[in-house]
Amino acid sequence: MVKIVTDSVASIPAEVVRARDIEVVSLYVSREGREYREADMDVEAFYEDIADMIDNPPTSSQPSQHALETIFERAAEARDEVLGVFMSSKMSGTFEGAVRAARAVKERFGHFHCTLVDSTSNCGDEMFAVLDAADARDAGATLGECARAVTDAVASSRFIFAPESLAFLKAGGRIGGASALLGGLLQISPVLTVADWETATLAKVRTWKKTLARMVDTFKDDIDACGLKRVVVHYIGSAAPALAWARDAVEPVAGRAVEVLPVSPVIGVHVGPALGLAYECERPVPGKLTASASELVFSL
């Protein structure tokens, strides 16, 4: 059997994790001296006062190698193969930790087979790759075929999002002070995306209303050209604006109901209040991935 493992940053709802037989290793959030296991957090409660966290932003940390080894060892003992799908290796050391853990388990269990895939992204972008792997496994696919489903999903999905301000990104050192100041003075609200493992600016727009419209326009252009397989609206902070945006702006373009999900707190504490849109197309989307599929995969 192929056992699918991912991290909590994929933001997969707990009921889906259980129904699809997916193993989740948790990252952690630390706030004011207290550490929270992300997979167990009440995300809605955590986000209630996220805007007030800017003066003392929470920090995040990756899973221990021991936690990953425990999951892999349990699979090895059951004679299961493992397909691991993890967040961008340029955003966290989780993928490299999984590689080290897999090698350690292989030394103890020579029969152990494992393929790890770097999703190059996070949140819904990562989630879709995991769900495609589960679909392939449930259809009887081999480990290699499941991994191919993941790399296909990576190339065919996009995550676009817009922070309400640049303050959290500035506090976390992800943009320079001058860029944050310029954005505030000129009311520039950037549309951000994840491409080739890293956050990139997709567009710079004046006013929040135009920013949301630009995200919907990008979504429409992509699905017109490449089709639509999955879509979720993401939010950091209050769910109410996301629910309204999904209903009024995203669903008319998608032509279907759109699920609204909170972003992983590990990501949320670095971005601050925001709205986003993650979607998977039926074919690769332009500009998402310039690397070859082989660069994403580690196997043993």
Protein backbone atom coordinates (compact mmCIF):
# COMPACT_ATOMS: atom_id res chain seq x y z
CA MET A 1 0.00 0.00 0.00
CA VAL A 2 1.10 3.57 -0.66
CA LYS A 3 0.96 5.68 2.50
CA ILE A 4 0.57 9.41 1.80
CA VAL A 5 2.26 11.82 4.19
CA THR A 6 2.16 15.61 4.15
CA ASP A 7 2.62 18.54 6.54
CA SER A 8 0.06 20.69 8.30
CA VAL A 9 0.85 23.70 6.10
CA ALA A 10 -1.13 22.01 3.31
CA SER A 11 -4.21 23.22 5.24
CA ILE A 12 -6.27 20.10 4.52
CA PRO A 13 -9.41 19.99 6.69
CA ALA A 14 -9.26 17.33 9.42
CA GLU A 15 -12.31 15.50 8.09
CA VAL A 16 -10.69 15.20 4.65
CA VAL A 17 -7.44 13.92 6.21
CA ARG A 18 -9.40 11.17 7.96
CA ALA A 19 -11.59 10.29 4.98
CA ARG A 20 -8.67 10.11 2.53
CA ASP A 21 -6.26 8.24 4.86
CA ILE A 22 -3.60 10.95 4.79
CA GLU A 23 -0.91 11.19 7.49
CA VAL A 24 -0.12 14.75 8.60
CA VAL A 25 3.05 15.77 10.41
CA SER A 26 2.57 19.05 12.23
CA LEU A 27 4.58 22.25 12.22
CA TYR A 28 4.46 24.55 15.26
CA VAL A 29 3.55 28.14 16.09
CA SER A 30 5.03 29.94 19.09
CA ARG A 31 3.25 32.96 20.58
CA GLU A 32 4.30 34.80 23.72
CA GLY A 33 6.27 31.87 25.04
CA ARG A 34 3.66 29.22 24.33
CA GLU A 35 4.09 26.63 21.58
CA TYR A 36 1.09 25.35 19.61
CA ARG A 37 0.96 22.21 17.51
CA GLU A 38 -0.53 23.55 14.28
CA ALA A 39 -2.52 20.41 13.47
CA ASP A 40 -4.39 20.77 16.79
CA MET A 41 -5.00 24.52 16.72
CA ASP A 42 -8.39 26.22 16.71
CA VAL A 43 -7.48 28.32 13.70
CA GLU A 44 -10.57 30.55 13.83
CA ALA A 45 -9.86 31.43 17.46
CA PHE A 46 -6.17 32.06 16.72
CA TYR A 47 -7.01 34.42 13.86
CA GLU A 48 -9.53 36.48 15.88
CA ASP A 49 -6.86 38.90 17.02
CA ILE A 50 -4.16 38.39 14.41
CA ALA A 51 -4.12 42.10 13.55
CA ASP A 52 -2.99 42.80 17.12
CA MET A 53 0.00 40.46 16.81
CA ILE A 54 2.00 42.81 14.60
CA ASP A 55 3.97 44.32 17.50
CA ASN A 56 5.09 40.86 18.63
CA PRO A 57 4.57 38.46 15.71
CA PRO A 58 4.45 34.73 16.50
CA THR A 59 7.18 32.51 15.13
CA SER A 60 6.99 29.08 13.50
CA SER A 61 9.08 25.93 13.48
CA GLN A 62 9.27 22.73 11.47
CA PRO A 63 8.61 19.16 12.65
CA SER A 64 11.38 17.29 14.41
CA GLN A 65 13.25 14.61 12.51
CA HIS A 66 12.07 12.20 15.21
CA ALA A 67 8.41 12.91 14.35
CA LEU A 68 9.07 12.21 10.68
CA GLU A 69 11.11 9.09 11.42
CA THR A 70 8.29 7.74 13.59
CA ILE A 71 5.80 8.06 10.73
CA PHE A 72 8.16 6.50 8.20
CA GLU A 73 9.18 3.69 10.55
CA ARG A 74 5.55 2.81 11.20
CA ALA A 75 4.99 2.56 7.45
CA ALA A 76 8.11 0.42 7.03
CA GLU A 77 6.97 -1.96 9.74
CA ALA A 78 3.61 -2.32 7.94
CA ARG A 79 5.44 -2.93 4.64
CA ASP A 80 3.83 0.20 3.19
CA GLU A 81 5.54 2.45 0.66
CA VAL A 82 5.56 6.17 1.46
CA LEU A 83 4.76 9.11 -0.75
CA GLY A 84 5.57 12.36 1.05
CA VAL A 85 4.43 15.76 -0.22
CA PHE A 86 5.83 18.74 1.65
CA MET A 87 5.85 22.53 1.53
CA SER A 88 8.42 24.49 -0.46
CA SER A 89 11.96 23.62 0.56
CA LYS A 90 12.87 27.31 0.21
CA MET A 91 10.25 28.28 2.79
CA SER A 92 10.95 25.60 5.40
CA GLY A 93 13.41 22.87 6.24
CA THR A 94 10.56 20.32 6.47
CA PHE A 95 11.36 18.68 3.12
CA GLU A 96 15.05 18.30 3.94
CA GLY A 97 14.10 16.95 7.36
CA ALA A 98 11.91 14.37 5.65
CA VAL A 99 14.81 13.35 3.40
CA ARG A 100 17.07 12.83 6.43
CA ALA A 101 14.35 10.88 8.23
CA ALA A 102 13.71 8.65 5.21
CA ARG A 103 17.41 7.86 4.88
CA ALA A 104 17.62 6.97 8.57
CA VAL A 105 14.64 4.61 8.32
CA LYS A 106 16.05 3.05 5.16
CA GLU A 107 19.21 2.14 7.08
CA ARG A 108 17.10 0.23 9.60
CA PHE A 109 14.59 -1.24 7.14
CA GLY A 110 16.28 -2.21 3.89
CA HIS A 111 12.96 -3.04 2.22
CA PHE A 112 11.60 0.49 2.83
CA HIS A 113 10.59 2.41 -0.33
CA CYS A 114 9.89 6.11 -0.18
CA THR A 115 9.39 8.96 -2.64
CA LEU A 116 9.32 12.54 -1.38
CA VAL A 117 8.08 15.44 -3.52
CA ASP A 118 8.74 19.12 -2.92
CA SER A 119 5.42 20.84 -3.67
CA THR A 120 7.36 24.12 -4.21
CA SER A 121 4.49 25.94 -2.49
CA ASN A 122 2.11 25.77 0.48
CA CYS A 123 -1.55 25.86 1.55
CA GLY A 124 -4.10 25.04 -1.18
CA ASP A 125 -1.36 24.80 -3.76
CA GLU A 126 0.20 21.99 -1.73
CA MET A 127 -3.19 20.51 -0.78
CA PHE A 128 -4.20 19.85 -4.39
CA ALA A 129 -1.03 17.84 -5.00
CA VAL A 130 -1.78 15.71 -1.93
CA LEU A 131 -5.38 15.11 -3.00
CA ASP A 132 -4.28 14.13 -6.51
CA ALA A 133 -1.88 11.64 -4.95
CA ALA A 134 -4.73 10.20 -2.88
CA ASP A 135 -6.91 9.94 -5.99
CA ALA A 136 -4.15 8.07 -7.83
CA ARG A 137 -3.48 5.73 -4.90
CA ASP A 138 -7.18 4.93 -4.50
CA ALA A 139 -7.36 4.13 -8.22
CA GLY A 140 -4.61 1.53 -7.75
CA ALA A 141 -1.62 3.54 -8.96
CA THR A 142 1.95 2.56 -8.12
CA LEU A 143 4.23 4.72 -5.98
CA GLY A 144 5.85 6.17 -9.10
CA GLU A 145 2.49 6.92 -10.67
CA CYS A 146 1.31 8.64 -7.49
CA ALA A 147 4.45 10.79 -7.51
CA ARG A 148 3.81 11.71 -11.14
CA ALA A 149 0.29 12.83 -10.18
CA VAL A 150 1.89 15.14 -7.62
CA THR A 151 4.39 16.74 -10.00
CA ASP A 152 1.62 17.22 -12.58
CA ALA A 153 -0.47 18.99 -9.93
CA VAL A 154 2.44 21.23 -8.93
CA ALA A 155 2.77 22.49 -12.50
CA SER A 156 -0.98 22.89 -12.94
CA SER A 157 -1.88 24.88 -9.84
CA ARG A 158 -1.52 28.46 -8.70
CA PHE A 159 -1.82 30.26 -5.37
CA ILE A 160 -2.46 34.01 -5.50
CA PHE A 161 -3.04 36.14 -2.43
CA ALA A 162 -3.09 39.70 -1.19
CA PRO A 163 -2.19 40.89 2.32
CA GLU A 164 -4.29 43.75 3.67
CA SER A 165 -1.03 45.51 4.53
CA LEU A 166 2.68 44.84 4.20
CA ALA A 167 3.32 45.17 7.93
CA PHE A 168 3.68 41.46 8.77
CA LEU A 169 5.89 40.78 5.76
CA LYS A 170 8.07 43.71 6.79
CA ALA A 171 8.23 42.56 10.42
CA GLY A 172 9.29 39.10 9.32
CA GLY A 173 12.03 40.49 7.09
CA ARG A 174 10.40 39.27 3.90
CA ILE A 175 10.40 42.73 2.30
CA GLY A 176 12.52 45.78 2.97
CA GLY A 177 11.31 48.72 5.01
CA ALA A 178 11.34 51.00 1.97
CA SER A 179 9.03 48.68 0.06
CA ALA A 180 6.57 48.52 2.95
CA LEU A 181 6.60 52.31 3.37
CA LEU A 182 6.08 52.86 -0.36
CA GLY A 183 3.16 50.46 -0.37
CA GLY A 184 1.50 52.31 2.50
CA LEU A 185 2.04 55.78 1.08
CA LEU A 186 0.81 54.99 -2.40
CA GLN A 187 -1.92 52.58 -1.34
CA ILE A 188 -0.21 49.88 -3.38
CA SER A 189 -1.69 46.49 -2.59
CA PRO A 190 0.44 43.78 -4.18
CA VAL A 191 -0.96 40.57 -5.58
CA LEU A 192 1.49 37.86 -4.57
CA THR A 193 1.96 34.32 -5.81
CA VAL A 194 4.28 31.36 -5.34
CA ALA A 195 6.40 30.30 -8.30
CA ASP A 196 9.58 28.21 -8.44
CA TRP A 197 9.54 27.65 -4.65
CA GLU A 198 9.34 31.33 -3.63
CA THR A 199 6.90 34.18 -3.11
CA ALA A 200 6.81 36.57 -6.04
CA THR A 201 4.88 39.71 -6.96
CA LEU A 202 2.27 39.02 -9.61
CA ALA A 203 0.94 42.59 -9.80
CA LYS A 204 0.98 45.92 -7.96
CA VAL A 205 -2.47 47.46 -7.75
CA ARG A 206 -3.84 50.68 -6.25
CA THR A 207 -6.65 50.06 -3.72
CA TRP A 208 -7.94 46.84 -2.17
CA LYS A 209 -10.98 46.67 -4.46
CA LYS A 210 -8.79 46.62 -7.56
CA THR A 211 -6.50 44.04 -5.96
CA LEU A 212 -9.38 41.59 -5.47
CA ALA A 213 -10.54 42.24 -9.02
CA ARG A 214 -7.03 41.53 -10.37
CA MET A 215 -6.94 38.18 -8.57
CA VAL A 216 -10.27 37.18 -10.09
CA ASP A 217 -9.09 38.31 -13.54
CA THR A 218 -5.93 36.18 -13.20
CA PHE A 219 -8.05 33.22 -12.13
CA LYS A 220 -10.37 33.68 -15.13
CA ASP A 221 -7.48 33.97 -17.59
CA ASP A 222 -5.88 30.79 -16.26
CA ILE A 223 -9.01 28.65 -16.28
CA ASP A 224 -10.03 29.95 -19.72
CA ALA A 225 -6.67 28.80 -21.04
CA CYS A 226 -6.07 25.69 -18.92
CA GLY A 227 -9.41 24.48 -17.55
CA LEU A 228 -10.39 24.10 -13.89
CA LYS A 229 -10.08 21.07 -11.64
CA ARG A 230 -10.11 22.38 -8.03
CA VAL A 231 -10.44 25.76 -6.34
CA VAL A 232 -10.54 27.15 -2.79
CA VAL A 233 -10.71 30.67 -1.37
CA HIS A 234 -8.21 31.17 1.46
CA TYR A 235 -8.18 33.73 4.24
CA ILE A 236 -6.09 34.90 7.16
CA GLY A 237 -8.11 36.71 9.83
CA SER A 238 -11.88 36.95 9.61
CA ALA A 239 -13.77 34.47 7.43
CA ALA A 240 -16.60 36.90 6.60
CA PRO A 241 -14.86 38.86 3.79
CA ALA A 242 -13.65 35.60 2.23
CA LEU A 243 -17.13 34.10 2.25
CA ALA A 244 -18.59 37.21 0.62
CA TRP A 245 -15.81 37.39 -1.99
CA ALA A 246 -16.19 33.71 -2.83
CA ARG A 247 -19.94 34.09 -3.29
CA ASP A 248 -19.98 37.38 -5.17
CA ALA A 249 -16.81 37.28 -7.27
CA VAL A 250 -15.16 33.85 -7.44
CA GLU A 251 -18.11 31.47 -7.81
CA PRO A 252 -19.58 33.27 -10.85
CA VAL A 253 -16.24 32.75 -12.64
CA ALA A 254 -15.72 29.20 -11.41
CA GLY A 255 -19.27 28.20 -12.28
CA ARG A 256 -19.52 26.14 -9.09
CA ALA A 257 -19.60 26.41 -5.31
CA VAL A 258 -16.19 27.29 -3.89
CA GLU A 259 -14.92 26.06 -0.54
CA VAL A 260 -13.56 28.71 1.84
CA LEU A 261 -10.68 27.63 4.12
CA PRO A 262 -8.31 29.36 6.53
CA VAL A 263 -4.63 29.45 5.67
CA SER A 264 -2.19 27.48 7.82
CA PRO A 265 -1.24 29.61 10.85
CA VAL A 266 2.42 28.89 10.09
CA ILE A 267 1.92 30.90 6.89
CA GLY A 268 -0.61 33.30 8.39
CA VAL A 269 1.75 34.66 11.06
CA HIS A 270 4.19 35.74 8.35
CA VAL A 271 1.60 37.35 6.04
CA GLY A 272 -1.03 38.84 8.37
CA PRO A 273 -4.69 39.44 7.43
CA ALA A 274 -5.17 38.48 3.79
CA LEU A 275 -7.39 36.95 1.13
CA GLY A 276 -6.22 34.40 -1.41
CA LEU A 277 -7.27 32.03 -4.14
CA ALA A 278 -5.74 28.62 -4.82
CA TYR A 279 -6.74 26.62 -7.86
CA GLU A 280 -5.66 23.65 -9.92
CA CYS A 281 -6.12 23.62 -13.65
CA GLU A 282 -6.44 20.64 -15.98
CA ARG A 283 -3.19 21.59 -17.71
CA PRO A 284 0.04 23.34 -16.59
CA VAL A 285 -0.37 27.05 -15.87
CA PRO A 286 2.15 29.52 -17.34
CA GLY A 287 4.95 30.68 -15.08
CA LYS A 288 4.27 28.36 -12.15
CA LEU A 289 7.26 26.05 -12.54
CA THR A 290 10.30 26.33 -14.77
CA ALA A 291 12.14 23.38 -13.21
CA SER A 292 11.81 19.83 -14.47
CA ALA A 293 9.68 17.37 -12.51
CA SER A 294 12.79 15.38 -11.57
CA GLU A 295 14.11 18.34 -9.57
CA LEU A 296 11.16 18.03 -7.18
CA VAL A 297 11.56 14.36 -6.35
CA PHE A 298 13.72 12.36 -3.94
CA SER A 299 13.40 8.57 -4.00
CA LEU A 300 14.99 5.65 -2.21
